[in-house]
């Protein structure tokens, strides 16, 4: 499990990215790079990091499911993800 502070930091970044998205797009369209530099650092979508929605694990993230590989395997084995079945050959 990730630290609660790390999860909270990502949530805070997501809110800030959403808050400044319109202003950021306008400044980019105007090619106003000085104005872009004055925006907060966390307003940049590049600083966002994908994390598992259950555990907050940053590595081994599967974008299609929003889970880490470990949680994906556990949920798939338990039959909690529709359409996913363990392969056997």
C-alpha atoms as a PDB file:
ATOM      1  CA  UNK A   1       0.000   0.000   0.000  1.00  0.00           C
ATOM      2  CA  UNK A   2       1.229   3.447  -0.834  1.00  0.00           C
ATOM      3  CA  UNK A   3       1.473   6.086   1.840  1.00  0.00           C
ATOM      4  CA  UNK A   4      -1.689   8.121   2.267  1.00  0.00           C
ATOM      5  CA  UNK A   5       0.302  11.294   1.678  1.00  0.00           C
ATOM      6  CA  UNK A   6       1.373  10.064  -1.775  1.00  0.00           C
ATOM      7  CA  UNK A   7      -2.208   9.235  -2.739  1.00  0.00           C
ATOM      8  CA  UNK A   8      -3.368  12.623  -1.470  1.00  0.00           C
ATOM      9  CA  UNK A   9      -0.622  14.371  -3.431  1.00  0.00           C
ATOM     10  CA  UNK A  10      -1.806  12.750  -6.666  1.00  0.00           C
ATOM     11  CA  UNK A  11      -5.421  13.732  -5.950  1.00  0.00           C
ATOM     12  CA  UNK A  12      -4.287  17.301  -5.304  1.00  0.00           C
ATOM     13  CA  UNK A  13      -2.360  17.344  -8.595  1.00  0.00           C
ATOM     14  CA  UNK A  14      -5.371  16.012 -10.502  1.00  0.00           C
ATOM     15  CA  UNK A  15      -7.569  18.793  -9.103  1.00  0.00           C
ATOM     16  CA  UNK A  16      -4.994  21.441  -9.982  1.00  0.00           C
ATOM     17  CA  UNK A  17      -4.586  20.111 -13.534  1.00  0.00           C
ATOM     18  CA  UNK A  18      -8.370  20.256 -14.004  1.00  0.00           C
ATOM     19  CA  UNK A  19      -8.533  23.756 -12.514  1.00  0.00           C
ATOM     20  CA  UNK A  20      -5.910  25.232 -14.856  1.00  0.00           C
ATOM     21  CA  UNK A  21      -6.676  23.152 -17.989  1.00  0.00           C
ATOM     22  CA  UNK A  22      -8.665  25.873 -19.752  1.00  0.00           C
ATOM     23  CA  UNK A  23      -6.185  28.637 -18.911  1.00  0.00           C
ATOM     24  CA  UNK A  24      -3.287  26.409 -19.941  1.00  0.00           C
ATOM     25  CA  UNK A  25      -4.912  25.649 -23.315  1.00  0.00           C
ATOM     26  CA  UNK A  26      -5.552  29.347 -23.931  1.00  0.00           C
ATOM     27  CA  UNK A  27      -1.950  30.283 -23.115  1.00  0.00           C
ATOM     28  CA  UNK A  28      -0.642  27.538 -25.394  1.00  0.00           C
ATOM     29  CA  UNK A  29      -2.864  28.741 -28.242  1.00  0.00           C
ATOM     30  CA  UNK A  30      -1.522  32.280 -27.774  1.00  0.00           C
ATOM     31  CA  UNK A  31       2.079  30.985 -27.524  1.00  0.00           C
ATOM     32  CA  UNK A  32       2.415  32.881 -24.243  1.00  0.00           C
ATOM     33  CA  UNK A  33       5.251  30.913 -22.694  1.00  0.00           C
ATOM     34  CA  UNK A  34       5.902  33.494 -19.986  1.00  0.00           C
ATOM     35  CA  UNK A  35       2.310  33.110 -18.822  1.00  0.00           C
ATOM     36  CA  UNK A  36       2.705  29.334 -18.835  1.00  0.00           C
ATOM     37  CA  UNK A  37       5.762  29.597 -16.616  1.00  0.00           C
ATOM     38  CA  UNK A  38       3.766  31.588 -14.081  1.00  0.00           C
ATOM     39  CA  UNK A  39       1.273  28.752 -13.605  1.00  0.00           C
ATOM     40  CA  UNK A  40       1.894  26.418 -10.640  1.00  0.00           C
ATOM     41  CA  UNK A  41       4.150  23.450 -11.393  1.00  0.00           C
ATOM     42  CA  UNK A  42       1.515  20.933 -10.394  1.00  0.00           C
ATOM     43  CA  UNK A  43      -0.880  22.433 -12.954  1.00  0.00           C
ATOM     44  CA  UNK A  44       1.050  20.597 -15.667  1.00  0.00           C
ATOM     45  CA  UNK A  45      -0.532  17.264 -16.680  1.00  0.00           C
ATOM     46  CA  UNK A  46       2.960  15.833 -17.232  1.00  0.00           C
ATOM     47  CA  UNK A  47       3.498  15.743 -13.471  1.00  0.00           C
ATOM     48  CA  UNK A  48       0.580  13.347 -12.965  1.00  0.00           C
ATOM     49  CA  UNK A  49       1.506   9.737 -12.263  1.00  0.00           C
ATOM     50  CA  UNK A  50      -0.770   6.747 -12.796  1.00  0.00           C
ATOM     51  CA  UNK A  51      -1.499   4.833  -9.595  1.00  0.00           C
ATOM     52  CA  UNK A  52      -3.528   1.748  -8.728  1.00  0.00           C
ATOM     53  CA  UNK A  53      -7.029   2.815  -7.701  1.00  0.00           C
ATOM     54  CA  UNK A  54      -7.113   0.284  -4.844  1.00  0.00           C
ATOM     55  CA  UNK A  55      -3.633   0.337  -3.350  1.00  0.00           C
ATOM     56  CA  UNK A  56      -1.998   3.442  -4.801  1.00  0.00           C
ATOM     57  CA  UNK A  57       0.940   1.430  -6.156  1.00  0.00           C
ATOM     58  CA  UNK A  58       2.769   3.502  -8.809  1.00  0.00           C
ATOM     59  CA  UNK A  59       4.587   0.683 -10.598  1.00  0.00           C
ATOM     60  CA  UNK A  60       3.128  -2.152 -12.629  1.00  0.00           C
ATOM     61  CA  UNK A  61       0.055  -0.060 -13.509  1.00  0.00           C
ATOM     62  CA  UNK A  62      -2.336  -1.458 -16.122  1.00  0.00           C
ATOM     63  CA  UNK A  63      -3.982   1.523 -17.794  1.00  0.00           C
ATOM     64  CA  UNK A  64      -6.905  -0.422 -19.264  1.00  0.00           C
ATOM     65  CA  UNK A  65      -8.082  -1.504 -15.817  1.00  0.00           C
ATOM     66  CA  UNK A  66      -6.676   1.225 -13.550  1.00  0.00           C
ATOM     67  CA  UNK A  67      -5.062  -1.402 -11.316  1.00  0.00           C
ATOM     68  CA  UNK A  68      -1.581  -2.576 -10.482  1.00  0.00           C
ATOM     69  CA  UNK A  69      -0.513  -5.954 -11.848  1.00  0.00           C
ATOM     70  CA  UNK A  70      -0.810  -7.528  -8.402  1.00  0.00           C
ATOM     71  CA  UNK A  71      -4.379  -6.369  -7.780  1.00  0.00           C
ATOM     72  CA  UNK A  72      -5.309  -7.271 -11.357  1.00  0.00           C
ATOM     73  CA  UNK A  73      -4.086 -10.838 -10.880  1.00  0.00           C
ATOM     74  CA  UNK A  74      -5.895 -11.262  -7.555  1.00  0.00           C
ATOM     75  CA  UNK A  75      -9.161  -9.851  -8.906  1.00  0.00           C
ATOM     76  CA  UNK A  76      -8.931 -11.850 -12.144  1.00  0.00           C
ATOM     77  CA  UNK A  77      -8.315 -15.082 -10.215  1.00  0.00           C
ATOM     78  CA  UNK A  78     -11.302 -14.339  -8.004  1.00  0.00           C
ATOM     79  CA  UNK A  79     -13.455 -13.671 -11.097  1.00  0.00           C
ATOM     80  CA  UNK A  80     -14.110 -10.037 -10.179  1.00  0.00           C
ATOM     81  CA  UNK A  81     -13.132  -8.595 -13.581  1.00  0.00           C
ATOM     82  CA  UNK A  82     -15.713  -9.360 -16.297  1.00  0.00           C
ATOM     83  CA  UNK A  83     -14.344 -10.995 -19.427  1.00  0.00           C
ATOM     84  CA  UNK A  84     -10.970 -11.910 -17.904  1.00  0.00           C
ATOM     85  CA  UNK A  85     -10.082 -15.532 -17.451  1.00  0.00           C
ATOM     86  CA  UNK A  86      -6.821 -17.235 -16.525  1.00  0.00           C
ATOM     87  CA  UNK A  87      -5.183 -18.805 -19.534  1.00  0.00           C
ATOM     88  CA  UNK A  88      -4.364 -22.510 -19.514  1.00  0.00           C
ATOM     89  CA  UNK A  89      -2.889 -24.531 -22.311  1.00  0.00           C
END
